[in-house]
Amino acid sequence: MPLQNPKVAFVTGCNGISGNAIVEHLIRQPKEEWSKIVVTSRSPLKNYWQDPRVEFLAVDFLEPVDTVISKLSRSCETVTHAYYTSYVHTDDFTKLRDYNVPLFETFLVAIDKVAGQNLQRICLQTGGKVNGHPAQYVQVTLTDLDLQHYGPHLGPVFCPMTEDLPRYEDQGLNFYYAQEDFMFNLQKNRNWAYSIIRPNGIIGFTPGSE
């Protein structure tokens, strides 16, 4: 069988724990599997991977989409797999949608446009779930957003939380739902596939941590 062409990765939010971990995994794979790894963040990297396959782009996905497309077009035309871990935080949970929905939409439109037919898969990281007791409602106080997909940051939720639960009535506040719906609608006319991951808790290291 003929060998497949090496894949090209695009990782957003590489200054964060998830983005950093993805890059750390990719650089440990042979160049026959991953020929290029494009990484982005809004701020410059404090440390840089000593791997010739890694290329850094300073990109703010809150900029106009045409601006982002122009920046990505220099390096991302051959991207096959895009990993989205970008996130903008505010302590006011009701405002998270205002930042994070356009953030993801600009990313997705831009990489879809630039990579075109080369794009094979999008990986979107959303929130996770917690364990609980059956038929019990709980109020959870969050210090992070690992659980946001299931709604405990907005009020009592049904436990145990499982991936087959229907969406709760979020009054439009859960930005993960809006991100997913935008991706679902765009993908209908595309050949690329998608994965959605919901980590329960994220523990790790990144050189960008203080």
N, C-alpha and C. Protein backbone atom coordinates (compact mmCIF):
# COMPACT_ATOMS: atom_id res chain seq x y z
N MET A 1 0.83 -1.19 0.00
CA MET A 1 0.00 0.00 0.00
C MET A 1 0.88 1.25 0.00
N PRO A 2 0.50 2.27 -0.78
CA PRO A 2 1.30 3.50 -0.78
C PRO A 2 1.21 4.22 0.54
N LEU A 3 2.29 4.87 0.95
CA LEU A 3 2.31 5.60 2.19
C LEU A 3 1.47 6.86 2.06
N GLN A 4 0.73 7.21 3.11
CA GLN A 4 -0.03 8.44 3.11
C GLN A 4 0.90 9.63 3.30
N ASN A 5 0.49 10.77 2.77
CA ASN A 5 1.27 11.98 2.96
C ASN A 5 1.26 12.36 4.44
N PRO A 6 2.37 12.88 4.96
CA PRO A 6 2.40 13.29 6.36
C PRO A 6 1.34 14.36 6.64
N LYS A 7 0.81 14.34 7.85
CA LYS A 7 -0.22 15.29 8.24
C LYS A 7 0.41 16.62 8.69
N VAL A 8 -0.40 17.67 8.66
CA VAL A 8 0.03 18.99 9.10
C VAL A 8 -0.93 19.45 10.19
N ALA A 9 -0.39 19.80 11.35
CA ALA A 9 -1.22 20.19 12.49
C ALA A 9 -1.27 21.70 12.64
N PHE A 10 -2.41 22.15 13.16
CA PHE A 10 -2.60 23.56 13.50
C PHE A 10 -3.19 23.60 14.90
N VAL A 11 -2.44 24.18 15.86
CA VAL A 11 -2.83 24.16 17.27
C VAL A 11 -3.00 25.59 17.76
N THR A 12 -4.21 25.94 18.19
CA THR A 12 -4.43 27.27 18.75
C THR A 12 -4.29 27.24 20.26
N GLY A 13 -4.04 28.41 20.84
CA GLY A 13 -3.91 28.48 22.29
C GLY A 13 -2.72 27.70 22.82
N CYS A 14 -1.60 27.76 22.12
CA CYS A 14 -0.46 26.91 22.51
C CYS A 14 0.21 27.39 23.79
N ASN A 15 -0.14 28.57 24.29
CA ASN A 15 0.37 29.01 25.59
C ASN A 15 -0.39 28.40 26.75
N GLY A 16 -1.54 27.77 26.47
CA GLY A 16 -2.33 27.16 27.53
C GLY A 16 -1.93 25.72 27.78
N ILE A 17 -2.49 25.15 28.84
CA ILE A 17 -2.12 23.78 29.22
C ILE A 17 -2.50 22.78 28.14
N SER A 18 -3.72 22.87 27.61
CA SER A 18 -4.16 21.90 26.60
C SER A 18 -3.38 22.06 25.31
N GLY A 19 -3.26 23.30 24.84
CA GLY A 19 -2.52 23.52 23.60
C GLY A 19 -1.08 23.09 23.71
N ASN A 20 -0.45 23.42 24.83
CA ASN A 20 0.94 23.02 25.05
C ASN A 20 1.08 21.50 25.06
N ALA A 21 0.13 20.81 25.70
CA ALA A 21 0.20 19.35 25.78
C ALA A 21 0.04 18.72 24.40
N ILE A 22 -0.83 19.28 23.57
CA ILE A 22 -1.00 18.74 22.22
C ILE A 22 0.29 18.88 21.42
N VAL A 23 0.92 20.05 21.51
CA VAL A 23 2.18 20.25 20.78
C VAL A 23 3.26 19.31 21.30
N GLU A 24 3.33 19.15 22.63
CA GLU A 24 4.31 18.24 23.21
C GLU A 24 4.12 16.82 22.68
N HIS A 25 2.88 16.41 22.49
CA HIS A 25 2.62 15.08 21.93
C HIS A 25 3.04 15.02 20.46
N LEU A 26 2.69 16.04 19.70
CA LEU A 26 2.95 16.00 18.26
C LEU A 26 4.44 15.98 17.95
N ILE A 27 5.24 16.72 18.70
CA ILE A 27 6.67 16.76 18.39
C ILE A 27 7.37 15.44 18.70
N ARG A 28 6.68 14.59 19.45
CA ARG A 28 7.24 13.27 19.75
C ARG A 28 6.87 12.23 18.69
N GLN A 29 6.11 12.65 17.71
CA GLN A 29 5.74 11.76 16.61
C GLN A 29 6.72 11.96 15.45
N PRO A 30 6.98 10.92 14.68
CA PRO A 30 7.96 11.03 13.58
C PRO A 30 7.49 11.99 12.50
N LYS A 31 8.45 12.56 11.80
CA LYS A 31 8.12 13.52 10.73
C LYS A 31 7.38 12.84 9.59
N GLU A 32 7.49 11.51 9.51
CA GLU A 32 6.73 10.78 8.49
C GLU A 32 5.24 10.82 8.79
N GLU A 33 4.87 11.10 10.04
CA GLU A 33 3.46 11.21 10.41
C GLU A 33 2.99 12.66 10.43
N TRP A 34 3.81 13.53 11.03
CA TRP A 34 3.49 14.96 11.10
C TRP A 34 4.66 15.75 10.52
N SER A 35 4.43 16.33 9.37
CA SER A 35 5.52 17.03 8.69
C SER A 35 5.67 18.48 9.13
N LYS A 36 4.59 19.05 9.70
CA LYS A 36 4.61 20.46 10.09
C LYS A 36 3.61 20.67 11.21
N ILE A 37 3.96 21.57 12.14
CA ILE A 37 3.10 21.86 13.29
C ILE A 37 3.04 23.38 13.43
N VAL A 38 1.93 23.97 13.04
CA VAL A 38 1.74 25.41 13.16
C VAL A 38 1.04 25.69 14.49
N VAL A 39 1.61 26.58 15.30
CA VAL A 39 1.04 26.89 16.61
C VAL A 39 0.75 28.38 16.70
N THR A 40 -0.31 28.72 17.44
CA THR A 40 -0.69 30.12 17.56
C THR A 40 -1.05 30.47 19.00
N SER A 41 -0.90 31.74 19.31
CA SER A 41 -1.44 32.35 20.52
C SER A 41 -1.48 33.85 20.27
N ARG A 42 -2.20 34.55 21.12
CA ARG A 42 -2.26 36.01 20.96
C ARG A 42 -0.96 36.67 21.40
N SER A 43 -0.30 36.10 22.40
CA SER A 43 0.93 36.68 22.94
C SER A 43 2.13 35.83 22.53
N PRO A 44 3.30 36.44 22.46
CA PRO A 44 4.51 35.69 22.09
C PRO A 44 4.80 34.56 23.06
N LEU A 45 5.47 33.54 22.57
CA LEU A 45 5.83 32.40 23.41
C LEU A 45 7.03 32.76 24.29
N LYS A 46 6.96 32.34 25.56
CA LYS A 46 8.10 32.56 26.44
C LYS A 46 9.19 31.53 26.18
N ASN A 47 8.79 30.37 25.71
CA ASN A 47 9.73 29.31 25.35
C ASN A 47 9.30 28.74 24.01
N TYR A 48 10.24 28.18 23.28
CA TYR A 48 9.94 27.70 21.93
C TYR A 48 10.43 26.27 21.79
N TRP A 49 9.64 25.46 21.11
CA TRP A 49 10.02 24.07 20.89
C TRP A 49 11.18 23.99 19.90
N GLN A 50 12.20 23.25 20.26
CA GLN A 50 13.36 23.10 19.38
C GLN A 50 13.11 21.97 18.39
N ASP A 51 12.14 22.20 17.54
CA ASP A 51 11.77 21.24 16.51
C ASP A 51 11.55 22.02 15.22
N PRO A 52 12.27 21.71 14.17
CA PRO A 52 12.16 22.49 12.93
C PRO A 52 10.78 22.45 12.29
N ARG A 53 9.93 21.51 12.72
CA ARG A 53 8.59 21.42 12.15
C ARG A 53 7.64 22.46 12.74
N VAL A 54 8.01 23.03 13.90
CA VAL A 54 7.11 23.95 14.59
C VAL A 54 7.27 25.37 14.04
N GLU A 55 6.15 25.97 13.71
CA GLU A 55 6.13 27.36 13.24
C GLU A 55 5.10 28.13 14.05
N PHE A 56 5.52 29.25 14.63
CA PHE A 56 4.64 30.05 15.47
C PHE A 56 4.04 31.21 14.69
N LEU A 57 2.73 31.43 14.90
CA LEU A 57 2.04 32.59 14.35
C LEU A 57 1.34 33.32 15.50
N ALA A 58 1.56 34.63 15.59
CA ALA A 58 0.83 35.44 16.56
C ALA A 58 -0.51 35.82 15.94
N VAL A 59 -1.59 35.22 16.46
CA VAL A 59 -2.91 35.43 15.88
C VAL A 59 -3.92 35.70 17.00
N ASP A 60 -4.73 36.74 16.81
CA ASP A 60 -5.83 37.04 17.71
C ASP A 60 -7.12 36.79 16.95
N PHE A 61 -7.85 35.76 17.34
CA PHE A 61 -9.06 35.38 16.62
C PHE A 61 -10.24 36.32 16.89
N LEU A 62 -10.01 37.36 17.68
CA LEU A 62 -11.01 38.41 17.83
C LEU A 62 -10.83 39.52 16.81
N GLU A 63 -9.78 39.42 16.02
CA GLU A 63 -9.59 40.36 14.92
C GLU A 63 -10.57 40.03 13.79
N PRO A 64 -10.77 40.94 12.83
CA PRO A 64 -11.66 40.64 11.70
C PRO A 64 -11.22 39.38 10.97
N VAL A 65 -12.17 38.61 10.50
CA VAL A 65 -11.86 37.33 9.89
C VAL A 65 -10.94 37.49 8.68
N ASP A 66 -11.10 38.53 7.90
CA ASP A 66 -10.22 38.72 6.74
C ASP A 66 -8.77 38.93 7.17
N THR A 67 -8.58 39.60 8.31
CA THR A 67 -7.23 39.80 8.83
C THR A 67 -6.62 38.47 9.25
N VAL A 68 -7.42 37.64 9.92
CA VAL A 68 -6.94 36.33 10.36
C VAL A 68 -6.64 35.44 9.16
N ILE A 69 -7.50 35.45 8.17
CA ILE A 69 -7.26 34.65 6.95
C ILE A 69 -5.94 35.05 6.31
N SER A 70 -5.68 36.35 6.26
CA SER A 70 -4.42 36.82 5.68
C SER A 70 -3.22 36.29 6.45
N LYS A 71 -3.31 36.28 7.77
CA LYS A 71 -2.19 35.80 8.58
C LYS A 71 -2.00 34.29 8.43
N LEU A 72 -3.10 33.54 8.37
CA LEU A 72 -2.98 32.09 8.26
C LEU A 72 -2.55 31.64 6.87
N SER A 73 -2.87 32.42 5.87
CA SER A 73 -2.58 32.02 4.49
C SER A 73 -1.10 31.83 4.23
N ARG A 74 -0.25 32.42 5.05
CA ARG A 74 1.19 32.30 4.86
C ARG A 74 1.72 30.92 5.26
N SER A 75 0.98 30.22 6.13
CA SER A 75 1.54 28.98 6.69
C SER A 75 0.57 27.81 6.77
N CYS A 76 -0.72 28.03 6.55
CA CYS A 76 -1.72 27.02 6.89
C CYS A 76 -2.44 26.40 5.70
N GLU A 77 -1.97 26.61 4.50
CA GLU A 77 -2.68 26.07 3.33
C GLU A 77 -2.67 24.55 3.31
N THR A 78 -1.67 23.93 3.93
CA THR A 78 -1.56 22.46 3.90
C THR A 78 -2.05 21.80 5.18
N VAL A 79 -2.67 22.56 6.08
CA VAL A 79 -3.14 22.00 7.36
C VAL A 79 -4.17 20.90 7.11
N THR A 80 -3.98 19.78 7.78
CA THR A 80 -4.93 18.66 7.69
C THR A 80 -5.74 18.50 8.97
N HIS A 81 -5.15 18.84 10.13
CA HIS A 81 -5.80 18.64 11.42
C HIS A 81 -5.65 19.91 12.26
N ALA A 82 -6.78 20.48 12.68
CA ALA A 82 -6.76 21.71 13.47
C ALA A 82 -7.30 21.44 14.87
N TYR A 83 -6.54 21.85 15.88
CA TYR A 83 -6.90 21.63 17.28
C TYR A 83 -7.18 22.99 17.93
N TYR A 84 -8.43 23.19 18.34
CA TYR A 84 -8.84 24.47 18.90
C TYR A 84 -8.91 24.39 20.42
N THR A 85 -8.01 25.11 21.10
CA THR A 85 -8.04 25.17 22.57
C THR A 85 -8.04 26.61 23.07
N SER A 86 -8.32 27.57 22.20
CA SER A 86 -8.32 28.98 22.59
C SER A 86 -9.51 29.29 23.49
N TYR A 87 -9.33 30.30 24.34
CA TYR A 87 -10.38 30.65 25.29
C TYR A 87 -10.10 32.04 25.85
N VAL A 88 -11.14 32.83 25.96
CA VAL A 88 -11.04 34.14 26.60
C VAL A 88 -11.86 34.11 27.88
N HIS A 89 -11.23 34.43 29.01
CA HIS A 89 -11.92 34.33 30.30
C HIS A 89 -12.40 35.69 30.78
N THR A 90 -13.55 35.67 31.44
CA THR A 90 -14.05 36.79 32.22
C THR A 90 -14.76 36.22 33.43
N ASP A 91 -14.66 36.89 34.55
CA ASP A 91 -15.30 36.39 35.77
C ASP A 91 -16.81 36.47 35.70
N ASP A 92 -17.34 37.26 34.80
CA ASP A 92 -18.78 37.34 34.59
C ASP A 92 -19.18 36.28 33.58
N PHE A 93 -19.74 35.15 34.06
CA PHE A 93 -20.06 34.03 33.18
C PHE A 93 -21.05 34.40 32.09
N THR A 94 -21.88 35.41 32.34
CA THR A 94 -22.86 35.81 31.34
C THR A 94 -22.22 36.49 30.14
N LYS A 95 -20.96 36.89 30.28
CA LYS A 95 -20.26 37.58 29.19
C LYS A 95 -19.36 36.65 28.38
N LEU A 96 -19.21 35.41 28.82
CA LEU A 96 -18.29 34.49 28.15
C LEU A 96 -18.68 34.27 26.69
N ARG A 97 -19.97 34.19 26.41
CA ARG A 97 -20.43 33.98 25.04
C ARG A 97 -19.98 35.12 24.13
N ASP A 98 -20.00 36.34 24.65
CA ASP A 98 -19.68 37.51 23.83
C ASP A 98 -18.27 37.43 23.26
N TYR A 99 -17.37 36.80 24.00
CA TYR A 99 -15.98 36.68 23.55
C TYR A 99 -15.71 35.37 22.81
N ASN A 100 -16.20 34.27 23.37
CA ASN A 100 -15.76 32.97 22.90
C ASN A 100 -16.49 32.44 21.68
N VAL A 101 -17.71 32.91 21.43
CA VAL A 101 -18.39 32.50 20.20
C VAL A 101 -17.71 33.12 18.97
N PRO A 102 -17.52 34.44 18.91
CA PRO A 102 -16.81 34.99 17.74
C PRO A 102 -15.37 34.50 17.64
N LEU A 103 -14.75 34.21 18.78
CA LEU A 103 -13.38 33.68 18.76
C LEU A 103 -13.31 32.39 17.96
N PHE A 104 -14.23 31.46 18.26
CA PHE A 104 -14.23 30.17 17.56
C PHE A 104 -14.72 30.32 16.12
N GLU A 105 -15.72 31.13 15.89
CA GLU A 105 -16.24 31.30 14.53
C GLU A 105 -15.18 31.84 13.59
N THR A 106 -14.42 32.81 14.05
CA THR A 106 -13.35 33.36 13.21
C THR A 106 -12.28 32.31 12.93
N PHE A 107 -11.90 31.56 13.97
CA PHE A 107 -10.94 30.47 13.77
C PHE A 107 -11.43 29.50 12.71
N LEU A 108 -12.67 29.04 12.85
CA LEU A 108 -13.17 27.99 11.98
C LEU A 108 -13.32 28.47 10.54
N VAL A 109 -13.88 29.65 10.37
CA VAL A 109 -14.04 30.19 9.01
C VAL A 109 -12.67 30.38 8.36
N ALA A 110 -11.71 30.87 9.13
CA ALA A 110 -10.39 31.15 8.58
C ALA A 110 -9.65 29.88 8.16
N ILE A 111 -9.60 28.88 9.06
CA ILE A 111 -8.85 27.67 8.71
C ILE A 111 -9.58 26.88 7.63
N ASP A 112 -10.90 26.92 7.61
CA ASP A 112 -11.68 26.26 6.55
C ASP A 112 -11.37 26.90 5.21
N LYS A 113 -11.27 28.22 5.19
CA LYS A 113 -10.99 28.94 3.95
C LYS A 113 -9.56 28.71 3.48
N VAL A 114 -8.62 28.79 4.40
CA VAL A 114 -7.20 28.72 4.02
C VAL A 114 -6.79 27.30 3.65
N ALA A 115 -7.17 26.32 4.46
CA ALA A 115 -6.75 24.93 4.21
C ALA A 115 -7.58 24.26 3.12
N GLY A 116 -8.83 24.65 2.98
CA GLY A 116 -9.66 24.13 1.89
C GLY A 116 -9.79 22.63 1.90
N GLN A 117 -9.55 22.02 0.77
CA GLN A 117 -9.72 20.57 0.62
C GLN A 117 -8.68 19.76 1.38
N ASN A 118 -7.61 20.39 1.83
CA ASN A 118 -6.61 19.67 2.61
C ASN A 118 -7.09 19.34 4.02
N LEU A 119 -8.03 20.13 4.52
CA LEU A 119 -8.49 19.98 5.89
C LEU A 119 -9.26 18.67 6.06
N GLN A 120 -8.85 17.88 7.06
CA GLN A 120 -9.48 16.58 7.30
C GLN A 120 -10.28 16.54 8.60
N ARG A 121 -9.82 17.24 9.64
CA ARG A 121 -10.51 17.14 10.93
C ARG A 121 -10.30 18.40 11.77
N ILE A 122 -11.38 18.78 12.47
CA ILE A 122 -11.35 19.84 13.47
C ILE A 122 -11.56 19.21 14.83
N CYS A 123 -10.77 19.58 15.81
CA CYS A 123 -10.96 19.12 17.17
C CYS A 123 -11.29 20.32 18.05
N LEU A 124 -12.49 20.33 18.62
CA LEU A 124 -12.96 21.42 19.48
C LEU A 124 -12.97 20.95 20.93
N GLN A 125 -12.26 21.66 21.78
CA GLN A 125 -12.29 21.34 23.21
C GLN A 125 -13.36 22.20 23.88
N THR A 126 -14.29 21.52 24.56
CA THR A 126 -15.31 22.22 25.33
C THR A 126 -15.15 21.83 26.80
N GLY A 127 -16.25 21.92 27.58
CA GLY A 127 -16.17 21.63 29.01
C GLY A 127 -16.42 20.17 29.31
N GLY A 128 -16.15 19.78 30.53
CA GLY A 128 -16.27 18.38 30.92
C GLY A 128 -17.48 18.11 31.79
N LYS A 129 -17.46 16.98 32.46
CA LYS A 129 -18.56 16.59 33.33
C LYS A 129 -18.04 16.15 34.68
N VAL A 130 -18.94 16.09 35.65
CA VAL A 130 -18.55 15.63 36.99
C VAL A 130 -19.33 14.37 37.33
N ASN A 131 -18.84 13.63 38.30
CA ASN A 131 -19.56 12.46 38.80
C ASN A 131 -20.52 12.88 39.90
N GLY A 132 -21.60 12.17 40.03
CA GLY A 132 -22.57 12.49 41.07
C GLY A 132 -23.43 11.28 41.36
N HIS A 133 -24.48 11.48 42.11
CA HIS A 133 -25.37 10.40 42.46
C HIS A 133 -26.61 10.44 41.58
N PRO A 134 -27.14 9.30 41.14
CA PRO A 134 -28.31 9.29 40.29
C PRO A 134 -29.49 10.03 40.92
N ALA A 135 -30.27 10.67 40.05
CA ALA A 135 -31.51 11.34 40.47
C ALA A 135 -31.28 12.38 41.55
N GLN A 136 -30.15 13.05 41.49
CA GLN A 136 -29.87 14.08 42.49
C GLN A 136 -29.45 15.36 41.78
N TYR A 137 -30.00 16.46 42.21
CA TYR A 137 -29.58 17.75 41.68
C TYR A 137 -28.56 18.37 42.62
N VAL A 138 -27.54 18.97 42.04
CA VAL A 138 -26.49 19.54 42.86
C VAL A 138 -26.17 20.95 42.38
N GLN A 139 -25.73 21.76 43.31
CA GLN A 139 -25.22 23.09 42.97
C GLN A 139 -23.71 23.02 43.08
N VAL A 140 -23.03 23.38 42.02
CA VAL A 140 -21.58 23.29 41.99
C VAL A 140 -21.00 24.69 41.93
N THR A 141 -20.04 24.98 42.78
CA THR A 141 -19.32 26.24 42.71
C THR A 141 -18.04 26.01 41.93
N LEU A 142 -17.85 26.75 40.85
CA LEU A 142 -16.72 26.51 39.97
C LEU A 142 -15.62 27.54 40.18
N THR A 143 -14.41 27.08 40.13
CA THR A 143 -13.27 27.99 40.05
C THR A 143 -12.67 27.95 38.65
N ASP A 144 -13.16 27.06 37.82
CA ASP A 144 -12.74 27.00 36.42
C ASP A 144 -13.95 26.61 35.59
N LEU A 145 -13.74 26.31 34.31
CA LEU A 145 -14.86 26.07 33.42
C LEU A 145 -14.89 24.65 32.89
N ASP A 146 -14.27 23.71 33.58
CA ASP A 146 -14.22 22.34 33.09
C ASP A 146 -15.61 21.76 32.84
N LEU A 147 -16.59 22.21 33.61
CA LEU A 147 -17.91 21.57 33.60
C LEU A 147 -18.96 22.36 32.83
N GLN A 148 -18.55 23.41 32.17
CA GLN A 148 -19.53 24.35 31.66
C GLN A 148 -20.48 23.74 30.64
N HIS A 149 -20.06 22.75 29.91
CA HIS A 149 -20.93 22.16 28.90
C HIS A 149 -22.22 21.66 29.54
N TYR A 150 -22.17 21.25 30.79
CA TYR A 150 -23.32 20.66 31.45
C TYR A 150 -24.08 21.63 32.35
N GLY A 151 -23.58 22.86 32.50
CA GLY A 151 -24.36 23.90 33.11
C GLY A 151 -24.27 24.18 34.59
N PRO A 152 -23.39 23.53 35.37
CA PRO A 152 -23.41 23.77 36.81
C PRO A 152 -22.97 25.17 37.21
N HIS A 153 -22.33 25.90 36.30
CA HIS A 153 -21.94 27.27 36.62
C HIS A 153 -23.14 28.22 36.58
N LEU A 154 -24.27 27.75 36.03
CA LEU A 154 -25.46 28.59 35.90
C LEU A 154 -26.56 28.22 36.88
N GLY A 155 -26.43 27.06 37.54
CA GLY A 155 -27.47 26.66 38.48
C GLY A 155 -27.45 25.16 38.72
N PRO A 156 -28.45 24.63 39.47
CA PRO A 156 -28.50 23.19 39.76
C PRO A 156 -28.61 22.38 38.48
N VAL A 157 -27.96 21.23 38.44
CA VAL A 157 -27.98 20.35 37.28
C VAL A 157 -28.23 18.92 37.73
N PHE A 158 -28.69 18.09 36.82
CA PHE A 158 -28.97 16.70 37.12
C PHE A 158 -27.68 15.89 37.12
N CYS A 159 -27.52 15.02 38.11
CA CYS A 159 -26.35 14.15 38.20
C CYS A 159 -26.79 12.69 38.23
N PRO A 160 -26.01 11.77 37.67
CA PRO A 160 -24.69 12.02 37.05
C PRO A 160 -24.83 12.66 35.67
N MET A 161 -23.87 13.47 35.32
CA MET A 161 -23.85 14.10 34.01
C MET A 161 -23.21 13.15 33.02
N THR A 162 -23.89 12.86 31.93
CA THR A 162 -23.38 11.94 30.92
C THR A 162 -23.50 12.58 29.55
N GLU A 163 -22.73 12.08 28.60
CA GLU A 163 -22.67 12.69 27.29
C GLU A 163 -23.97 12.58 26.50
N ASP A 164 -24.85 11.64 26.90
CA ASP A 164 -26.10 11.48 26.16
C ASP A 164 -27.25 12.33 26.72
N LEU A 165 -26.97 13.13 27.75
CA LEU A 165 -28.00 14.02 28.27
C LEU A 165 -28.35 15.08 27.23
N PRO A 166 -29.63 15.43 27.12
CA PRO A 166 -29.99 16.53 26.22
C PRO A 166 -29.45 17.85 26.75
N ARG A 167 -29.37 18.83 25.90
CA ARG A 167 -28.93 20.15 26.35
C ARG A 167 -29.94 20.73 27.33
N TYR A 168 -29.42 21.42 28.34
CA TYR A 168 -30.29 22.10 29.27
C TYR A 168 -30.70 23.45 28.69
N GLU A 169 -31.71 24.07 29.27
CA GLU A 169 -32.15 25.39 28.81
C GLU A 169 -31.18 26.44 29.35
N ASP A 170 -30.31 26.90 28.49
CA ASP A 170 -29.22 27.76 28.94
C ASP A 170 -29.49 29.25 28.72
N GLN A 171 -30.68 29.58 28.15
CA GLN A 171 -30.99 30.98 27.84
C GLN A 171 -29.92 31.64 26.98
N GLY A 172 -29.21 30.83 26.22
CA GLY A 172 -28.19 31.37 25.32
C GLY A 172 -26.87 31.69 25.98
N LEU A 173 -26.69 31.30 27.25
CA LEU A 173 -25.48 31.68 27.97
C LEU A 173 -24.31 30.71 27.75
N ASN A 174 -24.60 29.46 27.44
CA ASN A 174 -23.52 28.48 27.30
C ASN A 174 -22.90 28.61 25.92
N PHE A 175 -21.71 29.19 25.87
CA PHE A 175 -21.09 29.45 24.56
C PHE A 175 -20.67 28.18 23.85
N TYR A 176 -20.50 27.08 24.59
CA TYR A 176 -20.12 25.83 23.93
C TYR A 176 -21.19 25.36 22.95
N TYR A 177 -22.44 25.54 23.31
CA TYR A 177 -23.52 25.14 22.40
C TYR A 177 -23.47 25.94 21.11
N ALA A 178 -23.24 27.23 21.24
CA ALA A 178 -23.16 28.08 20.04
C ALA A 178 -21.96 27.70 19.18
N GLN A 179 -20.84 27.38 19.81
CA GLN A 179 -19.67 26.95 19.05
C GLN A 179 -19.96 25.66 18.29
N GLU A 180 -20.56 24.70 18.98
CA GLU A 180 -20.88 23.42 18.34
C GLU A 180 -21.84 23.62 17.17
N ASP A 181 -22.90 24.40 17.38
CA ASP A 181 -23.90 24.58 16.33
C ASP A 181 -23.30 25.26 15.10
N PHE A 182 -22.42 26.21 15.32
CA PHE A 182 -21.76 26.86 14.19
C PHE A 182 -20.93 25.85 13.40
N MET A 183 -20.21 24.99 14.11
CA MET A 183 -19.40 23.97 13.45
C MET A 183 -20.27 22.95 12.73
N PHE A 184 -21.37 22.52 13.37
CA PHE A 184 -22.27 21.56 12.73
C PHE A 184 -22.80 22.10 11.41
N ASN A 185 -23.21 23.36 11.41
CA ASN A 185 -23.81 23.95 10.21
C ASN A 185 -22.78 24.12 9.10
N LEU A 186 -21.57 24.54 9.45
CA LEU A 186 -20.54 24.72 8.42
C LEU A 186 -20.10 23.38 7.85
N GLN A 187 -20.04 22.37 8.70
CA GLN A 187 -19.51 21.07 8.27
C GLN A 187 -20.45 20.36 7.29
N LYS A 188 -21.71 20.72 7.26
CA LYS A 188 -22.67 20.04 6.39
C LYS A 188 -22.25 20.06 4.93
N ASN A 189 -21.56 21.11 4.53
CA ASN A 189 -21.13 21.25 3.13
C ASN A 189 -19.63 21.05 2.96
N ARG A 190 -19.01 20.37 3.92
CA ARG A 190 -17.57 20.18 3.88
C ARG A 190 -17.23 18.69 3.94
N ASN A 191 -16.01 18.37 3.56
CA ASN A 191 -15.54 16.99 3.62
C ASN A 191 -14.82 16.67 4.93
N TRP A 192 -14.42 17.70 5.69
CA TRP A 192 -13.71 17.41 6.93
C TRP A 192 -14.67 16.91 8.00
N ALA A 193 -14.12 16.16 8.94
CA ALA A 193 -14.87 15.65 10.07
C ALA A 193 -14.50 16.45 11.32
N TYR A 194 -15.15 16.16 12.44
CA TYR A 194 -14.85 16.89 13.66
C TYR A 194 -14.88 15.96 14.86
N SER A 195 -14.18 16.39 15.90
CA SER A 195 -14.21 15.74 17.21
C SER A 195 -14.48 16.82 18.25
N ILE A 196 -15.27 16.49 19.26
CA ILE A 196 -15.53 17.39 20.38
C ILE A 196 -15.08 16.69 21.65
N ILE A 197 -14.19 17.31 22.39
CA ILE A 197 -13.69 16.70 23.63
C ILE A 197 -14.15 17.53 24.82
N ARG A 198 -14.48 16.83 25.92
CA ARG A 198 -14.98 17.49 27.12
C ARG A 198 -14.18 17.01 28.33
N PRO A 199 -13.02 17.53 28.57
CA PRO A 199 -12.21 17.06 29.70
C PRO A 199 -12.87 17.40 31.03
N ASN A 200 -12.79 16.46 31.95
CA ASN A 200 -13.36 16.68 33.28
C ASN A 200 -12.54 17.69 34.06
N GLY A 201 -11.25 17.48 34.09
CA GLY A 201 -10.35 18.41 34.75
C GLY A 201 -9.05 18.45 33.99
N ILE A 202 -8.44 19.62 33.91
CA ILE A 202 -7.21 19.78 33.16
C ILE A 202 -6.09 20.11 34.13
N ILE A 203 -5.15 19.19 34.25
CA ILE A 203 -4.01 19.37 35.14
C ILE A 203 -2.75 19.20 34.31
N GLY A 204 -1.90 20.16 34.34
CA GLY A 204 -0.69 20.04 33.54
C GLY A 204 0.21 21.24 33.70
N PHE A 205 1.18 21.31 32.81
CA PHE A 205 2.20 22.35 32.87
C PHE A 205 2.26 23.08 31.55
N THR A 206 2.52 24.35 31.62
CA THR A 206 2.80 25.13 30.42
C THR A 206 3.85 26.18 30.76
N PRO A 207 4.81 26.40 29.88
CA PRO A 207 5.81 27.44 30.15
C PRO A 207 5.21 28.83 30.30
N GLY A 208 3.96 29.02 29.81
CA GLY A 208 3.32 30.32 29.93
C GLY A 208 2.75 30.60 31.30
N SER A 209 2.78 29.61 32.19
CA SER A 209 2.24 29.81 33.54
C SER A 209 3.19 30.64 34.39
N GLU A 210 2.61 31.45 35.22
CA GLU A 210 3.43 32.25 36.15
C GLU A 210 3.53 31.54 37.49
